[in-house]
Amino acid sequence: MNFRKTLTGAAAGLALAAGAGAANAAAHMSEITVGYFLEWPMPFQYAKVNGLYDEEMGIKVNWRAFDTGTAMSAAMASGDVQLSVSQGVPPFVVAASAGQDIQIVDVALTYSENDNCVVRSALEIDKNSAKELEGKKVGVPIGTAAHYGFLKQMKHFGVDTSTMEIVDMAPADSAAALSQGSLDMACGWGGALRRMKQSGNVLLSGAEKEELGIQVFDVTSAPASFAAENPDTVAAFLKVTADMNRKWNSGEMKQEMLSAMAKDSGMDEAAAQATLDGFTFLPIKEQLSEKWLGGGTQKFLKEVADFFVETGNIPSARDSYDTAVDTAPLKSLVQ
């Protein structure tokens, strides 16, 4: 598969849609639509299922499930979605680099152990024999954090990806294909990653990936025009989210929250807890620190974009991604 053709084609479509969508983004402020992922349990879902967003924001919040962050970008570009919870950094970067009207408004979570690539057990390939992956077939959700991690790992191991058959697949589909033996390697996250691990092994742990500079975190994103025109709405949404993160981190109502998160994610409680064990939800002040939205995130966006340019997946990167982050809504919540 030609990665560049796929990503640049998608990016061009997003850029065209962004112009049409921006005008409608805030047209009906009696309600908004928020994107999220199934099989990706997060504390905000307790508020989602109990109607707390509607209650505290004073508007109706509609929810729409997605398979990938690239699909979230497309929905925000068209104006169908106003906020996306837990969008991966790489799909955000692809959209922003193409000129889409999009900004990060918070760090949703970090999860280096919950996003990875798995090699089919029968191949008996590990980090010491990774070159044997050349010529193999891999399922990768293109333009996502898993795609970025895959490319960075292959570069680290010196694997020539041009020799590989690379199929653009949602993680749930590639997990099934890996178990059936129709893929040699699959990349993904969450519940799909857990199922992949039943069929194979990872090459690098989360800590080992971080040593290579592979940061894995998701963001809450929004069309820049929507965030600028509706700062109070964005801040109110982030406040409810932060309140839920604080409750979960404190252990308060843990069982009640876990039950709601699992059910809303389409998972059993044991699987949801196993996934949550690999998640970290940052307090607002930490999100605003220099390591994150105070400068570190902006630098990382540039690193990801430059890497995608270097590997031929997007034609160009911005000179800077400083304007791709809007900290005003979060700062308004700091006492």
Protein backbone atom coordinates (compact mmCIF):
# COMPACT_ATOMS: atom_id res chain seq x y z
CA MET A 1 0.00 0.00 0.00
CA ASN A 2 1.18 3.52 -0.78
CA PHE A 3 1.01 5.30 2.61
CA ARG A 4 1.63 8.71 1.09
CA LYS A 5 -1.20 8.39 -1.38
CA THR A 6 -3.56 7.24 1.38
CA LEU A 7 -2.71 9.91 3.93
CA THR A 8 -2.41 12.81 1.52
CA GLY A 9 -5.67 11.86 -0.18
CA ALA A 10 -7.44 11.78 3.15
CA ALA A 11 -5.83 15.05 4.19
CA ALA A 12 -6.95 16.77 1.00
CA GLY A 13 -10.51 15.65 1.63
CA LEU A 14 -10.36 16.97 5.18
CA ALA A 15 -9.11 20.35 4.03
CA LEU A 16 -11.98 20.68 1.55
CA ALA A 17 -14.56 19.59 4.09
CA ALA A 18 -13.20 21.93 6.75
CA GLY A 19 -14.32 25.03 4.88
CA ALA A 20 -17.88 23.80 4.62
CA GLY A 21 -18.03 22.40 8.12
CA ALA A 22 -16.65 25.41 9.97
CA ALA A 23 -19.59 27.59 9.07
CA ASN A 24 -22.01 25.10 10.60
CA ALA A 25 -19.97 24.05 13.64
CA ALA A 26 -21.76 26.33 16.09
CA ALA A 27 -25.00 26.73 14.23
CA HIS A 28 -27.12 24.82 16.75
CA MET A 29 -25.73 25.53 20.20
CA SER A 30 -28.70 23.97 21.93
CA GLU A 31 -26.78 20.73 21.36
CA ILE A 32 -23.38 19.44 20.32
CA THR A 33 -22.05 16.09 19.10
CA VAL A 34 -18.98 14.50 20.68
CA GLY A 35 -16.90 11.68 19.23
CA TYR A 36 -15.47 8.82 21.31
CA PHE A 37 -14.23 5.22 20.97
CA LEU A 38 -15.81 1.92 21.96
CA GLU A 39 -13.60 -0.61 23.83
CA TRP A 40 -11.76 2.37 25.28
CA PRO A 41 -13.05 2.86 28.84
CA MET A 42 -12.54 6.31 30.33
CA PRO A 43 -14.01 8.12 33.38
CA PHE A 44 -15.94 10.62 31.23
CA GLN A 45 -18.28 7.76 30.33
CA TYR A 46 -19.72 7.73 33.85
CA ALA A 47 -20.91 11.29 33.23
CA LYS A 48 -22.00 10.36 29.71
CA VAL A 49 -24.32 7.52 30.76
CA ASN A 50 -25.72 9.45 33.71
CA GLY A 51 -26.52 12.59 31.72
CA LEU A 52 -24.15 14.78 33.73
CA TYR A 53 -22.80 16.61 30.68
CA ASP A 54 -26.31 17.67 29.65
CA GLU A 55 -27.14 18.64 33.22
CA GLU A 56 -24.01 20.66 33.96
CA MET A 57 -23.58 22.21 30.51
CA GLY A 58 -27.24 23.08 30.02
CA ILE A 59 -27.30 21.70 26.47
CA LYS A 60 -27.91 18.31 24.90
CA VAL A 61 -24.73 16.34 24.24
CA ASN A 62 -25.02 13.71 21.52
CA TRP A 63 -22.40 10.97 21.32
CA ARG A 64 -20.99 9.26 18.24
CA ALA A 65 -18.65 6.25 18.30
CA PHE A 66 -15.69 5.97 15.92
CA ASP A 67 -13.18 3.28 14.93
CA THR A 68 -10.23 5.60 14.28
CA GLY A 69 -9.01 9.13 14.92
CA THR A 70 -8.85 9.80 11.19
CA ALA A 71 -12.61 9.30 11.01
CA MET A 72 -12.95 11.78 13.89
CA SER A 73 -10.99 14.34 11.89
CA ALA A 74 -13.30 13.90 8.91
CA ALA A 75 -16.39 14.32 11.08
CA MET A 76 -15.02 17.51 12.63
CA ALA A 77 -14.06 18.83 9.20
CA SER A 78 -17.61 18.33 7.95
CA GLY A 79 -19.11 20.00 11.00
CA ASP A 80 -20.87 16.82 12.16
CA VAL A 81 -18.81 16.62 15.37
CA GLN A 82 -17.77 19.53 17.60
CA LEU A 83 -15.47 17.74 20.08
CA SER A 84 -13.56 14.46 19.91
CA VAL A 85 -12.48 12.73 23.12
CA SER A 86 -9.28 10.70 22.99
CA GLN A 87 -8.20 11.42 19.42
CA GLY A 88 -4.72 10.07 18.76
CA VAL A 89 -1.90 12.54 18.11
CA PRO A 90 -0.92 11.20 14.64
CA PRO A 91 -4.39 11.56 13.08
CA PHE A 92 -4.59 15.01 14.63
CA VAL A 93 -1.20 15.89 13.11
CA VAL A 94 -2.21 14.63 9.66
CA ALA A 95 -5.33 16.80 9.69
CA ALA A 96 -3.59 19.88 11.11
CA SER A 97 -0.73 19.53 8.62
CA ALA A 98 -3.23 19.50 5.76
CA GLY A 99 -4.63 22.83 6.94
CA GLN A 100 -7.71 21.55 8.77
CA ASP A 101 -9.25 23.97 11.26
CA ILE A 102 -8.48 21.86 14.36
CA GLN A 103 -7.00 22.37 17.83
CA ILE A 104 -6.11 20.38 20.94
CA VAL A 105 -7.98 21.52 24.05
CA ASP A 106 -6.75 18.95 26.59
CA VAL A 107 -4.67 15.80 27.11
CA ALA A 108 -7.25 13.02 27.36
CA LEU A 109 -4.91 10.31 28.67
CA THR A 110 -1.49 8.69 28.29
CA TYR A 111 -1.13 4.96 27.55
CA SER A 112 2.21 3.68 26.30
CA GLU A 113 1.30 0.08 27.18
CA ASN A 114 -2.09 0.23 25.51
CA ASP A 115 -1.03 0.88 21.92
CA ASN A 116 1.32 -1.52 20.15
CA CYS A 117 2.02 -4.00 17.36
CA VAL A 118 1.78 -7.76 17.84
CA VAL A 119 3.63 -10.42 15.81
CA ARG A 120 1.90 -13.77 15.21
CA SER A 121 3.29 -16.39 17.63
CA ALA A 122 3.97 -19.01 14.94
CA LEU A 123 6.61 -16.74 13.37
CA GLU A 124 8.69 -16.73 16.58
CA ILE A 125 9.94 -13.20 15.81
CA ASP A 126 11.00 -10.92 18.65
CA LYS A 127 13.06 -7.75 18.95
CA ASN A 128 16.25 -9.69 18.26
CA SER A 129 14.97 -11.04 14.95
CA ALA A 130 12.69 -8.19 13.82
CA LYS A 131 14.40 -7.96 10.40
CA GLU A 132 12.50 -11.15 9.55
CA LEU A 133 9.37 -9.02 9.31
CA GLU A 134 10.47 -7.88 5.86
CA GLY A 135 8.12 -9.32 3.27
CA LYS A 136 5.43 -9.97 5.87
CA LYS A 137 1.79 -8.81 5.94
CA VAL A 138 0.67 -6.32 8.60
CA GLY A 139 -2.65 -4.72 9.48
CA VAL A 140 -2.26 -1.05 10.51
CA PRO A 141 -4.91 1.66 11.00
CA ILE A 142 -3.20 4.26 8.85
CA GLY A 143 -2.76 7.79 10.16
CA THR A 144 -3.21 6.77 13.81
CA ALA A 145 -0.94 6.51 16.86
CA ALA A 146 -0.56 2.80 16.07
CA HIS A 147 0.64 3.67 12.56
CA TYR A 148 3.19 6.14 13.90
CA GLY A 149 4.41 3.61 16.46
CA PHE A 150 4.68 0.93 13.77
CA LEU A 151 6.79 3.16 11.52
CA LYS A 152 9.05 4.26 14.38
CA GLN A 153 9.60 0.68 15.53
CA MET A 154 10.35 -0.57 12.02
CA LYS A 155 12.84 2.27 11.53
CA HIS A 156 14.49 1.38 14.86
CA PHE A 157 14.84 -2.26 13.80
CA GLY A 158 16.00 -1.37 10.30
CA VAL A 159 13.03 -3.10 8.67
CA ASP A 160 12.37 -2.00 5.09
CA THR A 161 8.62 -1.35 5.13
CA SER A 162 8.54 -1.15 1.32
CA THR A 163 8.95 -4.93 1.29
CA MET A 164 5.91 -5.44 3.50
CA GLU A 165 2.28 -5.83 2.51
CA ILE A 166 0.61 -3.16 4.62
CA VAL A 167 -3.17 -3.24 4.89
CA ASP A 168 -5.19 -0.33 6.30
CA MET A 169 -7.39 -2.04 8.91
CA ALA A 170 -9.29 -1.00 12.03
CA PRO A 171 -7.78 -2.71 15.12
CA ALA A 172 -10.82 -4.93 15.73
CA ASP A 173 -10.59 -6.30 12.19
CA SER A 174 -6.84 -6.84 12.31
CA ALA A 175 -7.12 -8.62 15.67
CA ALA A 176 -9.53 -11.12 14.08
CA ALA A 177 -7.31 -11.49 11.01
CA LEU A 178 -4.25 -12.13 13.17
CA SER A 179 -6.04 -14.86 15.10
CA GLN A 180 -7.05 -16.48 11.82
CA GLY A 181 -3.47 -16.44 10.55
CA SER A 182 -4.19 -14.11 7.63
CA LEU A 183 -1.86 -11.41 9.04
CA ASP A 184 1.72 -11.74 10.28
CA MET A 185 1.50 -8.64 12.44
CA ALA A 186 -1.28 -6.34 13.62
CA CYS A 187 -1.21 -2.94 15.30
CA GLY A 188 -3.86 -1.37 17.49
CA TRP A 189 -5.04 -0.44 20.96
CA GLY A 190 -7.46 -1.19 23.77
CA GLY A 191 -9.61 -4.31 23.64
CA ALA A 192 -8.40 -5.13 20.14
CA LEU A 193 -4.77 -5.06 21.34
CA ARG A 194 -5.62 -7.45 24.17
CA ARG A 195 -7.12 -9.88 21.65
CA MET A 196 -4.05 -9.50 19.42
CA LYS A 197 -1.83 -10.51 22.33
CA GLN A 198 -3.72 -13.80 22.56
CA SER A 199 -2.31 -14.60 19.11
CA GLY A 200 1.20 -13.23 19.41
CA ASN A 201 3.82 -11.08 21.11
CA VAL A 202 4.88 -7.43 21.14
CA LEU A 203 8.36 -6.43 20.00
CA LEU A 204 8.85 -3.63 22.53
CA SER A 205 7.25 -2.77 25.86
CA GLY A 206 5.71 0.61 26.54
CA ALA A 207 8.82 1.70 28.46
CA GLU A 208 11.10 0.58 25.62
CA LYS A 209 9.00 2.54 23.12
CA GLU A 210 9.22 5.66 25.27
CA GLU A 211 13.03 5.33 25.24
CA LEU A 212 12.80 5.60 21.44
CA GLY A 213 10.75 8.79 21.75
CA ILE A 214 7.44 7.08 20.95
CA GLN A 215 5.08 8.96 23.23
CA VAL A 216 1.56 7.58 23.27
CA PHE A 217 -1.20 9.91 24.40
CA ASP A 218 -4.57 11.09 23.15
CA VAL A 219 -6.14 14.52 23.15
CA THR A 220 -9.53 16.14 23.18
CA SER A 221 -9.76 18.10 19.93
CA ALA A 222 -12.15 20.54 18.34
CA PRO A 223 -12.49 22.68 15.22
CA ALA A 224 -10.58 25.90 16.04
CA SER A 225 -13.54 28.02 14.95
CA PHE A 226 -15.87 26.15 17.31
CA ALA A 227 -13.47 26.53 20.25
CA ALA A 228 -13.00 30.25 19.54
CA GLU A 229 -16.72 30.97 19.21
CA ASN A 230 -17.81 28.78 22.14
CA PRO A 231 -15.08 28.93 24.83
CA ASP A 232 -17.56 28.58 27.70
CA THR A 233 -19.08 25.44 26.16
CA VAL A 234 -15.64 23.88 25.68
CA ALA A 235 -14.60 24.81 29.21
CA ALA A 236 -17.81 23.38 30.67
CA PHE A 237 -17.25 20.10 28.82
CA LEU A 238 -13.65 19.88 30.02
CA LYS A 239 -14.72 20.63 33.60
CA VAL A 240 -17.08 17.64 33.69
CA THR A 241 -14.37 15.47 32.15
CA ALA A 242 -11.78 16.65 34.69
CA ASP A 243 -14.21 16.03 37.55
CA MET A 244 -14.70 12.45 36.37
CA ASN A 245 -10.94 11.91 36.03
CA ARG A 246 -10.44 13.21 39.56
CA LYS A 247 -13.11 10.87 40.93
CA TRP A 248 -11.55 7.89 39.19
CA ASN A 249 -8.01 8.75 40.26
CA SER A 250 -9.14 9.11 43.88
CA GLY A 251 -10.80 5.69 43.92
CA GLU A 252 -14.11 7.32 44.81
CA MET A 253 -17.10 5.35 43.50
CA LYS A 254 -14.65 3.04 41.71
CA GLN A 255 -16.96 0.07 41.27
CA GLU A 256 -19.91 2.19 40.18
CA MET A 257 -17.75 4.05 37.69
CA LEU A 258 -16.10 0.88 36.40
CA SER A 259 -19.47 -0.73 35.79
CA ALA A 260 -20.68 2.29 33.79
CA MET A 261 -17.44 2.56 31.80
CA ALA A 262 -17.38 -1.13 30.95
CA LYS A 263 -21.00 -1.25 29.81
CA ASP A 264 -20.69 1.92 27.74
CA SER A 265 -17.48 0.62 26.13
CA GLY A 266 -19.03 -2.72 25.20
CA MET A 267 -16.70 -4.65 27.53
CA ASP A 268 -16.94 -6.82 30.61
CA GLU A 269 -15.63 -5.30 33.83
CA ALA A 270 -12.47 -7.42 33.98
CA ALA A 271 -11.46 -6.41 30.46
CA ALA A 272 -12.26 -2.76 31.14
CA GLN A 273 -10.18 -2.79 34.32
CA ALA A 274 -7.28 -4.46 32.48
CA THR A 275 -7.37 -1.68 29.90
CA LEU A 276 -7.68 1.06 32.51
CA ASP A 277 -4.63 -0.30 34.33
CA GLY A 278 -2.56 0.98 31.41
CA PHE A 279 -4.15 4.45 31.36
CA THR A 280 -3.10 7.64 33.15
CA PHE A 281 -5.50 10.59 33.43
CA LEU A 282 -3.64 13.83 34.11
CA PRO A 283 -4.94 16.59 36.42
CA ILE A 284 -5.54 19.96 34.74
CA LYS A 285 -2.46 21.63 36.28
CA GLU A 286 -0.23 18.83 35.02
CA GLN A 287 -1.77 19.08 31.56
CA LEU A 288 -0.88 22.77 31.52
CA SER A 289 2.73 22.11 32.57
CA GLU A 290 5.73 22.63 30.30
CA LYS A 291 5.95 18.88 29.67
CA TRP A 292 2.50 18.86 28.11
CA LEU A 293 0.36 21.72 26.78
CA GLY A 294 2.81 24.34 28.08
CA GLY A 295 5.16 23.53 25.21
CA GLY A 296 6.05 19.84 25.17
CA THR A 297 2.98 18.75 23.23
CA GLN A 298 3.53 21.40 20.58
CA LYS A 299 7.11 20.18 20.07
CA PHE A 300 5.96 16.57 19.85
CA LEU A 301 3.35 17.48 17.21
CA LYS A 302 6.17 18.92 15.11
CA GLU A 303 8.30 15.80 15.61
CA VAL A 304 5.46 13.54 14.47
CA ALA A 305 4.73 15.73 11.45
CA ASP A 306 8.38 15.87 10.42
CA PHE A 307 8.65 12.10 10.76
CA PHE A 308 5.60 11.60 8.52
CA VAL A 309 7.19 13.92 5.95
CA GLU A 310 10.50 12.05 6.20
CA THR A 311 8.78 8.70 5.64
CA GLY A 312 6.74 10.04 2.71
CA ASN A 313 3.35 9.84 4.37
CA ILE A 314 2.42 13.52 4.17
CA PRO A 315 3.83 16.12 1.75
CA SER A 316 4.68 18.84 4.27
CA ALA A 317 4.54 19.91 7.90
CA ARG A 318 3.77 23.23 9.53
CA ASP A 319 6.70 25.38 10.60
CA SER A 320 5.21 25.32 14.09
CA TYR A 321 2.26 23.67 15.83
CA ASP A 322 1.96 26.25 18.60
CA THR A 323 -1.40 27.47 17.27
CA ALA A 324 -2.69 23.88 17.11
CA VAL A 325 -3.12 23.96 20.90
CA ASP A 326 -5.69 26.11 22.71
CA THR A 327 -5.13 26.15 26.48
CA ALA A 328 -7.60 28.95 27.24
CA PRO A 329 -10.54 26.66 28.19
CA LEU A 330 -8.42 24.60 30.60
CA LYS A 331 -6.76 27.69 32.09
CA SER A 332 -10.18 29.13 32.86
CA LEU A 333 -10.80 26.14 35.16
CA VAL A 334 -7.69 26.61 37.29
CA GLN A 335 -8.53 28.19 40.62
